[in-house]
Every structure is written in C-alpha cells, then in structure tokens.
Amino acid sequence: MPAHPRRRALVLKIALGLAGLGAASWIALACTDDPHRRTTAEQARGGGGACAALPGELPSPTCDSSENKCESRVGCVIDEARCGSKSTCLPIGDNKGKDVQNFRIRRLKIATPEALAGELIQNTVVTLNIDLAEKSCGELGKGLFTWLLQVDRKNNTLVTGGAPPPTDAIGEGFCFARFLLGGTKVEPITSKVVFDGDVFRSTEPQKVKIPIFTSQDIGSVILLPITDVRVDGVTISDDGNCIGHLNEVALDEKCFDDSLCSKWQTSGSLGGYITLEEADEVKIRDLNNKSLCSFLAGESDKCARDGAGKILFKGDYCSTDKKAGSCADSVWLAATFAASAAKVFDGQGKVPGCSGIATGEDAGTDGGKDSGADAADAADGG
C-alpha cells in the first residue's frame, strides 16, 4: 500500500536533510507543510520526553511522551473481523488458553539514544516500517520491520527475534528469521523469564541481532546488534492477546495518527547496548550507506577515528563494566512497546529468510546445517 502522501513528503525531506543539510535546515523543511506532524524543534532533537531513560536503565513500561491531547475525532473505519478487536489491541492471532503465546510488536517507542528518540526518526523510520500496509486495520505502514515475542508461560521462557516481511501477515502470520548474512548468523534468542501474576521480566540478558528490512528482498536487511537485551514490566492481558492496547481516538478519518495523542498505550519496556564499533558497521542504506555510528555522532559516512584507529565519538555506556559513561564505547538503547497476538509458524523449508540459508554476500553457501537443529525452538506453540 502506498505511504500516506504527507508521510512520503516527510520521508523525502528527512532523507535529504540527513544526507547533507544541517539539523536546523532539515527540521525546518520537515515541519513546514505537514499539519499532522506538528513536531517541535525539541521533539525533533529527541530525548524521549516523559519516556526518557538514563544509560543502563529502562523507561516506565506505560510512560507516554505524547502531548496527551486526545480530543474526540472522527476515527477511521477498522474491519474487526479481519483485524481483531479495536477495543483491545487488534490481535491478529489468538493466544487464549495457550501455554505458548505469540506476539508481534505493534509500536516501539524509543526513549534513548537522543538521536533516535525524536519524533521524526520515530515516525518515519521505526513506526512507518512496523505498521502494516493494512488500512482496513487502521495502519498505513510498510510492514517491513517485525519483532516477535514468544512467551512460554509453562516453562518460563521467552523466544525473541525478528522476522522477514510476511506474504500474508493476517492469514498465515510470521516466522522467526534464520539466515546467514556476511558470515553472521541471524536467529532468535531464548532466555528465562519470571512472572508476577501476568507481568514478566527476563532474567538472562543476551545479545540479539534484530533484522530490519528495507524491502521485501531478504538481501535488503540491516542488522541491529543489541547486547545484554532485557525486557521488564511486560503485562499480558487476561485473554493472553495483548501487551498494551489500542487508543482508537488517536486516529483521524484517514487512519492517520500523530504526536498529539498516542495511538498505542505501551505495557512493556526493553533495553540493551550497542557498541560503537558494531554501530559503525550498520549501514543505513536509505542514507547512502551512512553508518549508524556516524548518524549518532552527527558525522558523514562512518565515525571519525584517531591515529590509533579508535572511534572519537563518545557513547553514554561502557560495554566492559556495564556502567554509564566510563569507557564510553557504546550507546544505550531503551524503548517501551505494545504488542498483539499474531500467528507464528515454522518457516523451515518454506520461507528463505526463516530457513537458515545464506543471503547477501553469503548467497550460494549453506547455512542450514548451523541453524536447522534449533529451528524448532521458535515453532508455533499453538
């Protein structure tokens, strides 16, 4: 589905600004003619607002950085028979009565780092790609960025990872991404969790490589490596289908939402760190392969280095002593999220991106032997 016309204009302006204009210039360009995106300079700079988090810490699972101006609107028409209950969280799967419950993140609200927490990046990079291309469900996105959670309430485990773009998100569902890229194995991780009623948190921080796709082509993937990732304060609804809920009044008659009123009320938080060295290897293809590190540092191409090859930019976190500041070789990433039930199937032998095969520069090699044995870990629990 084509992007909303105002979003298309906004994305183009941001890309132009990030590629070469100064911050003040691209903020001004992006905010001149979009009545839905009344983004202030403060919001554009980032910081997370009410959901800000210090390095090493997680934001409150239910915090809200919107302007909380949720006046009555003429909402969009949502097909509940296809998209699930709009009074809850638009579940496109059913976890009721199941020990293993599958969820897809529907909204990821970045709290930190500052460069990623601003409204412009949040709306046109993160949200636009997480939202499905399903206007009948009140979503006007691309559906290219999927983050799955599979909670085993009987064995107290959490399987989490990314998924390739689905061919039928509502009918068939999603499969956990398993493939090789540049010699790097992409697969979900499994960790222990503890429950307090319907609220859980992870107890084993691990490293996960979340694949972010820029098109339906598996080779278009960008890997986001997050170390010591953990989740906390995640509340599952009584019927097992929702983490957080939809706020329908946030949608206008064209199913468009903005920063005035949060479309999704979150009910979980997550966080971890990204080393600057790894961030410098993450290429942002839409920005002429600019590295994530250089984007965070406000530099061009890749991060600048000293004579010894050390990155000059200082992060807000240290990977060695796990503290804020200190060696400053990393940046802390934290966010809150909402999720809804989704169908998760075993893509082995069905979907290239879920079969352990190689892609990109590894095309032609066989990665199946490395990942076939553990493919069942992410099979559908229902």
Protein backbone atom coordinates (compact mmCIF):
# COMPACT_ATOMS: atom_id res chain seq x y z
CA MET A 1 0.00 0.00 0.00
CA PRO A 2 1.42 3.43 -0.87
CA ALA A 3 2.54 5.53 2.04
CA HIS A 4 0.35 8.39 3.22
CA PRO A 5 1.10 11.41 0.94
CA ARG A 6 2.16 13.56 3.86
CA ARG A 7 4.43 10.77 5.09
CA ARG A 8 6.02 10.40 1.64
CA ALA A 9 6.83 14.09 1.60
CA LEU A 10 8.16 13.95 5.15
CA VAL A 11 10.36 10.92 4.46
CA LEU A 12 11.87 12.61 1.39
CA LYS A 13 12.60 15.77 3.32
CA ILE A 14 14.24 13.85 6.15
CA ALA A 15 16.39 11.83 3.77
CA LEU A 16 17.57 14.99 2.04
CA GLY A 17 18.29 16.69 5.34
CA LEU A 18 20.15 13.79 6.89
CA ALA A 19 22.20 13.30 3.74
CA GLY A 20 23.63 16.77 3.69
CA LEU A 21 21.68 19.59 5.31
CA GLY A 22 22.30 20.95 8.77
CA ALA A 23 19.99 19.87 11.60
CA ALA A 24 18.19 23.20 11.74
CA SER A 25 17.59 23.15 7.99
CA TRP A 26 16.08 19.68 7.77
CA ILE A 27 13.93 20.21 10.85
CA ALA A 28 12.55 23.37 9.25
CA LEU A 29 11.93 21.61 5.94
CA ALA A 30 10.22 18.63 7.53
CA CYS A 31 7.85 20.70 9.60
CA THR A 32 6.75 23.37 7.13
CA ASP A 33 3.74 21.80 5.43
CA ASP A 34 2.53 18.84 7.44
CA PRO A 35 -0.43 19.65 9.70
CA HIS A 36 -0.38 16.08 11.10
CA ARG A 37 3.24 16.35 12.23
CA ARG A 38 3.29 19.38 14.48
CA THR A 39 6.77 18.46 15.65
CA THR A 40 8.60 20.98 17.76
CA ALA A 41 12.33 21.56 17.50
CA GLU A 42 12.68 19.91 20.90
CA GLN A 43 10.86 16.80 19.69
CA ALA A 44 12.94 16.68 16.54
CA ARG A 45 16.15 16.73 18.54
CA GLY A 46 14.89 13.77 20.53
CA GLY A 47 15.31 12.85 24.16
CA GLY A 48 12.22 10.73 24.68
CA GLY A 49 10.19 13.28 26.63
CA ALA A 50 8.36 11.63 29.52
CA CYS A 51 9.84 8.29 28.47
CA ALA A 52 13.49 9.31 28.73
CA ALA A 53 15.79 6.70 30.29
CA LEU A 54 19.26 7.03 31.75
CA PRO A 55 22.05 4.80 30.35
CA GLY A 56 21.66 1.28 31.75
CA GLU A 57 18.07 1.88 32.82
CA LEU A 58 14.67 1.18 31.28
CA PRO A 59 11.78 3.63 30.99
CA SER A 60 8.48 3.04 32.75
CA PRO A 61 6.58 0.42 30.69
CA THR A 62 3.49 2.60 30.44
CA CYS A 63 5.06 6.06 30.04
CA ASP A 64 3.68 8.35 27.34
CA SER A 65 5.62 11.12 25.62
CA SER A 66 2.70 12.34 23.50
CA GLU A 67 1.03 15.68 24.13
CA ASN A 68 -1.99 13.77 25.55
CA LYS A 69 -4.40 15.88 23.51
CA CYS A 70 -6.89 13.13 22.78
CA GLU A 71 -9.97 15.15 21.86
CA SER A 72 -12.85 13.40 20.14
CA ARG A 73 -12.09 12.67 16.48
CA VAL A 74 -13.92 11.15 13.56
CA GLY A 75 -12.00 7.89 13.54
CA CYS A 76 -11.08 5.61 10.68
CA VAL A 77 -13.09 2.50 9.84
CA ILE A 78 -11.45 -0.71 11.14
CA ASP A 79 -12.50 -4.14 9.94
CA GLU A 80 -12.60 -6.02 13.25
CA ALA A 81 -13.50 -9.32 11.59
CA ARG A 82 -10.17 -9.16 9.76
CA CYS A 83 -8.01 -7.18 12.16
CA GLY A 84 -9.18 -8.15 15.65
CA SER A 85 -10.89 -6.16 18.35
CA LYS A 86 -10.21 -2.42 18.20
CA SER A 87 -11.32 -2.09 21.82
CA THR A 88 -8.25 -4.12 22.86
CA CYS A 89 -5.15 -4.29 20.65
CA LEU A 90 -6.13 -5.51 17.17
CA PRO A 91 -4.90 -9.08 17.79
CA ILE A 92 -4.32 -10.92 14.51
CA GLY A 93 -3.80 -14.20 16.33
CA ASP A 94 -5.37 -15.89 19.34
CA ASN A 95 -3.39 -16.85 22.46
CA LYS A 96 -6.37 -17.56 24.67
CA GLY A 97 -5.89 -20.68 26.78
CA LYS A 98 -2.42 -21.43 25.36
CA ASP A 99 0.76 -22.01 27.34
CA VAL A 100 2.86 -20.64 24.46
CA GLN A 101 1.73 -17.17 23.44
CA ASN A 102 2.94 -15.40 20.30
CA PHE A 103 3.10 -11.62 19.90
CA ARG A 104 4.22 -9.11 17.29
CA ILE A 105 5.34 -5.68 18.46
CA ARG A 106 2.88 -3.10 17.09
CA ARG A 107 4.53 0.03 18.46
CA LEU A 108 8.11 0.59 19.62
CA LYS A 109 8.61 3.95 21.33
CA ILE A 110 12.31 4.76 21.58
CA ALA A 111 13.34 6.57 24.77
CA THR A 112 17.09 6.78 24.13
CA PRO A 113 19.57 7.46 22.46
CA GLU A 114 18.57 11.02 21.76
CA ALA A 115 19.35 10.84 18.05
CA LEU A 116 16.83 8.02 17.57
CA ALA A 117 14.20 9.16 20.08
CA GLY A 118 12.98 12.22 18.19
CA GLU A 119 9.57 12.30 16.55
CA LEU A 120 10.97 12.42 13.02
CA ILE A 121 13.00 9.20 13.24
CA GLN A 122 10.34 7.53 15.38
CA ASN A 123 7.55 8.24 12.92
CA THR A 124 9.19 7.90 9.52
CA VAL A 125 11.71 5.13 10.15
CA VAL A 126 10.52 2.99 13.07
CA THR A 127 6.73 3.34 13.11
CA LEU A 128 6.29 3.53 9.35
CA ASN A 129 8.06 0.19 8.93
CA ILE A 130 6.43 -1.58 11.90
CA ASP A 131 2.90 -0.56 10.92
CA LEU A 132 1.35 -2.98 8.46
CA ALA A 133 0.22 -1.96 4.99
CA GLU A 134 -3.37 -2.55 6.11
CA LYS A 135 -5.67 0.46 6.07
CA SER A 136 -8.52 -1.89 7.00
CA CYS A 137 -6.67 -2.31 10.30
CA GLY A 138 -6.02 1.42 10.70
CA GLU A 139 -2.35 1.09 9.66
CA LEU A 140 -0.67 2.92 6.80
CA GLY A 141 2.84 1.50 7.05
CA LYS A 142 5.09 -0.87 5.12
CA GLY A 143 5.17 -3.89 7.46
CA LEU A 144 8.89 -4.45 6.82
CA PHE A 145 10.08 -4.36 10.45
CA THR A 146 8.79 -7.20 12.62
CA TRP A 147 9.92 -8.04 16.15
CA LEU A 148 8.37 -11.20 17.60
CA LEU A 149 7.95 -12.37 21.18
CA GLN A 150 7.07 -15.97 22.01
CA VAL A 151 6.28 -16.45 25.70
CA ASP A 152 6.16 -19.95 27.16
CA ARG A 153 4.23 -19.49 30.39
CA LYS A 154 4.61 -23.12 31.42
CA ASN A 155 8.41 -23.27 31.10
CA ASN A 156 9.04 -19.57 31.83
CA THR A 157 11.00 -18.84 28.65
CA LEU A 158 10.96 -16.07 26.09
CA VAL A 159 11.99 -16.51 22.44
CA THR A 160 12.52 -13.19 20.70
CA GLY A 161 13.86 -12.09 17.35
CA GLY A 162 12.98 -10.57 14.01
CA ALA A 163 11.04 -11.87 11.05
CA PRO A 164 11.25 -11.33 7.28
CA PRO A 165 8.44 -9.34 5.63
CA PRO A 166 5.35 -11.59 5.58
CA THR A 167 3.43 -12.56 2.46
CA ASP A 168 0.19 -12.78 4.45
CA ALA A 169 0.54 -11.20 7.88
CA ILE A 170 -3.05 -11.83 8.95
CA GLY A 171 -3.81 -15.15 7.30
CA GLU A 172 -0.51 -17.03 7.56
CA GLY A 173 1.47 -14.94 10.03
CA PHE A 174 5.22 -14.71 10.64
CA CYS A 175 8.25 -16.95 11.04
CA PHE A 176 11.37 -16.19 13.07
CA ALA A 177 14.23 -15.00 10.86
CA ARG A 178 17.05 -17.53 10.48
CA PHE A 179 19.72 -16.89 7.87
CA LEU A 180 23.40 -16.06 7.32
CA LEU A 181 24.49 -12.59 6.27
CA GLY A 182 28.17 -11.79 5.74
CA GLY A 183 29.15 -14.74 7.92
CA THR A 184 26.83 -13.55 10.69
CA LYS A 185 24.12 -15.90 11.92
CA VAL A 186 20.75 -14.24 12.40
CA GLU A 187 18.37 -16.19 14.65
CA PRO A 188 16.10 -15.67 17.67
CA ILE A 189 17.39 -15.93 21.22
CA THR A 190 15.84 -17.82 24.14
CA SER A 191 16.02 -16.56 27.71
CA LYS A 192 14.44 -17.28 31.06
CA VAL A 193 11.68 -15.06 32.43
CA VAL A 194 9.94 -14.74 35.77
CA PHE A 195 6.25 -13.95 36.20
CA ASP A 196 4.48 -11.98 38.90
CA GLY A 197 0.85 -12.61 38.01
CA ASP A 198 0.52 -11.52 34.38
CA VAL A 199 3.65 -9.38 34.47
CA PHE A 200 7.02 -10.78 33.44
CA ARG A 201 10.65 -9.78 33.05
CA SER A 202 13.65 -11.51 31.53
CA THR A 203 16.45 -12.73 33.80
CA GLU A 204 19.19 -13.61 31.29
CA PRO A 205 20.46 -10.60 29.30
CA GLN A 206 21.66 -11.81 25.91
CA LYS A 207 22.74 -10.48 22.54
CA VAL A 208 20.26 -10.37 19.71
CA LYS A 209 20.66 -9.27 16.10
CA ILE A 210 17.35 -7.79 15.02
CA PRO A 211 16.94 -7.77 11.22
CA ILE A 212 15.38 -4.63 9.78
CA PHE A 213 14.36 -4.98 6.13
CA THR A 214 14.21 -2.08 3.71
CA SER A 215 12.22 -4.01 1.09
CA GLN A 216 10.65 -7.42 0.52
CA ASP A 217 14.07 -8.62 -0.68
CA ILE A 218 15.81 -10.60 2.08
CA GLY A 219 19.13 -9.17 0.90
CA SER A 220 17.96 -5.66 1.86
CA VAL A 221 18.31 -6.45 5.56
CA ILE A 222 20.11 -4.23 8.09
CA LEU A 223 21.15 -5.90 11.35
CA LEU A 224 20.75 -4.08 14.65
CA PRO A 225 23.02 -5.81 17.20
CA ILE A 226 21.81 -5.25 20.78
CA THR A 227 23.86 -6.74 23.62
CA ASP A 228 22.51 -7.61 27.07
CA VAL A 229 18.99 -7.01 25.83
CA ARG A 230 16.35 -7.42 28.50
CA VAL A 231 12.64 -6.79 28.93
CA ASP A 232 10.82 -5.70 32.07
CA GLY A 233 7.36 -4.85 33.31
CA VAL A 234 5.68 -6.66 30.43
CA THR A 235 1.97 -7.08 31.23
CA ILE A 236 -0.10 -9.62 29.30
CA SER A 237 -3.87 -9.11 29.22
CA ASP A 238 -6.23 -11.60 30.84
CA ASP A 239 -7.12 -13.18 27.49
CA GLY A 240 -3.44 -13.53 26.57
CA ASN A 241 -3.75 -11.45 23.40
CA CYS A 242 -2.44 -8.01 24.31
CA ILE A 243 0.57 -6.21 25.71
CA GLY A 244 -0.77 -2.68 25.96
CA HIS A 245 -3.79 -1.53 23.98
CA LEU A 246 -5.01 0.50 21.03
CA ASN A 247 -6.25 4.04 21.57
CA GLU A 248 -8.71 4.35 18.69
CA VAL A 249 -9.45 8.06 19.22
CA ALA A 250 -5.87 8.83 18.16
CA LEU A 251 -6.79 8.02 14.54
CA ASP A 252 -8.31 10.60 12.22
CA GLU A 253 -10.76 9.83 9.42
CA LYS A 254 -7.89 8.78 7.14
CA CYS A 255 -6.46 6.41 9.80
CA PHE A 256 -3.51 8.74 10.40
CA ASP A 257 -2.09 9.35 13.90
CA ASP A 258 0.29 12.00 15.18
CA SER A 259 2.21 13.13 18.25
CA LEU A 260 -0.79 14.85 19.82
CA CYS A 261 -2.29 11.58 21.08
CA SER A 262 -0.70 8.14 21.38
CA LYS A 263 -2.29 5.50 19.14
CA TRP A 264 -0.79 2.72 21.24
CA GLN A 265 -0.55 2.61 25.02
CA THR A 266 2.55 0.57 25.81
CA SER A 267 2.88 -2.01 28.58
CA GLY A 268 6.45 -3.26 28.45
CA SER A 269 9.99 -1.92 28.28
CA LEU A 270 13.21 -3.20 26.76
CA GLY A 271 16.82 -2.13 26.54
CA GLY A 272 20.41 -3.07 25.81
CA TYR A 273 23.58 -1.54 24.43
CA ILE A 274 25.18 -1.25 21.00
CA THR A 275 28.94 -0.89 20.79
CA LEU A 276 30.18 1.96 18.62
CA GLU A 277 32.34 -0.46 16.65
CA GLU A 278 29.28 -2.53 15.77
CA ALA A 279 27.23 0.60 15.11
CA ASP A 280 29.87 1.72 12.62
CA GLU A 281 29.26 -1.47 10.64
CA VAL A 282 25.48 -0.97 10.49
CA LYS A 283 24.76 0.63 7.13
CA ILE A 284 21.71 2.84 6.71
CA ARG A 285 21.04 2.13 3.06
CA ASP A 286 18.44 4.86 2.68
CA LEU A 287 21.14 7.37 3.63
CA ASN A 288 23.78 6.31 1.11
CA ASN A 289 25.15 3.61 3.44
CA LYS A 290 25.84 6.07 6.23
CA SER A 291 26.78 4.12 9.35
CA LEU A 292 24.63 4.09 12.47
CA CYS A 293 27.63 5.33 14.43
CA SER A 294 28.11 8.34 12.18
CA PHE A 295 24.40 9.10 12.39
CA LEU A 296 24.54 9.05 16.20
CA ALA A 297 27.66 11.22 16.13
CA GLY A 298 26.27 13.66 13.56
CA GLU A 299 29.07 12.84 11.14
CA SER A 300 29.16 11.76 7.50
CA ASP A 301 29.77 8.24 6.16
CA LYS A 302 31.49 6.48 9.12
CA CYS A 303 32.60 7.61 12.57
CA ALA A 304 35.86 9.57 12.69
CA ARG A 305 38.85 7.82 14.28
CA ASP A 306 42.13 8.88 15.85
CA GLY A 307 45.61 7.85 14.71
CA ALA A 308 45.29 4.53 16.55
CA GLY A 309 42.01 3.73 14.81
CA LYS A 310 39.84 4.39 17.87
CA ILE A 311 36.43 5.98 17.34
CA LEU A 312 36.49 9.59 18.57
CA PHE A 313 32.77 9.85 19.32
CA LYS A 314 31.95 9.06 22.94
CA GLY A 315 28.95 6.94 23.81
CA ASP A 316 26.96 7.09 27.03
CA TYR A 317 27.64 3.50 28.14
CA CYS A 318 30.57 1.13 28.71
CA SER A 319 30.49 -2.47 27.49
CA THR A 320 33.19 -3.69 29.88
CA ASP A 321 31.98 -2.52 33.29
CA LYS A 322 28.30 -2.19 32.25
CA LYS A 323 28.06 1.36 33.57
CA ALA A 324 27.08 4.75 32.23
CA GLY A 325 29.95 6.81 30.86
CA SER A 326 33.20 5.11 31.90
CA CYS A 327 34.91 3.75 28.77
CA ALA A 328 32.13 5.29 26.58
CA ASP A 329 32.49 2.65 23.86
CA SER A 330 28.74 2.03 23.48
CA VAL A 331 25.33 3.66 23.33
CA TRP A 332 22.37 2.58 25.44
CA LEU A 333 19.13 1.82 23.58
CA ALA A 334 15.85 1.71 25.52
CA ALA A 335 12.21 1.73 24.49
CA THR A 336 8.69 0.85 25.52
CA PHE A 337 6.42 -1.32 23.41
CA ALA A 338 2.91 -2.55 22.72
CA ALA A 339 2.26 -5.92 21.10
CA SER A 340 -0.66 -8.05 20.00
CA ALA A 341 -1.25 -11.73 19.37
CA ALA A 342 -0.03 -12.95 16.00
CA LYS A 343 0.32 -16.25 14.19
CA VAL A 344 3.86 -17.65 14.23
CA PHE A 345 4.74 -20.64 12.08
CA ASP A 346 7.87 -22.69 11.42
CA GLY A 347 9.29 -21.35 8.16
CA GLN A 348 11.87 -24.10 7.70
CA GLY A 349 11.79 -25.17 4.06
CA LYS A 350 9.05 -22.64 3.33
CA VAL A 351 10.49 -19.15 3.69
CA PRO A 352 14.13 -18.43 2.65
CA GLY A 353 14.58 -15.89 5.43
CA CYS A 354 13.46 -18.46 8.02
CA SER A 355 15.31 -21.50 6.68
CA GLY A 356 18.87 -20.79 7.76
CA ILE A 357 20.07 -20.25 4.18
CA ALA A 358 22.59 -17.62 3.20
CA THR A 359 21.70 -14.25 1.75
CA GLY A 360 23.58 -11.19 0.53
CA GLU A 361 27.31 -11.82 0.18
CA ASP A 362 26.86 -15.34 1.58
CA ALA A 363 24.49 -16.37 -1.23
CA GLY A 364 25.43 -19.77 -2.53
CA THR A 365 26.65 -21.15 0.80
CA ASP A 366 24.63 -23.43 3.01
CA GLY A 367 23.77 -22.11 6.44
CA GLY A 368 21.14 -24.72 7.10
CA LYS A 369 23.40 -27.12 9.00
CA ASP A 370 24.19 -24.44 11.55
CA SER A 371 20.64 -23.48 12.29
CA GLY A 372 18.46 -26.43 11.34
CA ALA A 373 18.78 -28.20 14.68
CA ASP A 374 17.38 -25.33 16.67
CA ALA A 375 14.68 -24.29 14.23
CA ALA A 376 12.02 -25.99 16.32
CA ASP A 377 12.74 -23.61 19.19
CA ALA A 378 10.61 -20.97 17.51
CA ALA A 379 7.87 -23.21 16.16
CA ASP A 380 4.27 -22.24 16.69
CA GLY A 381 3.24 -23.06 20.20
CA GLY A 382 -0.39 -23.38 19.30
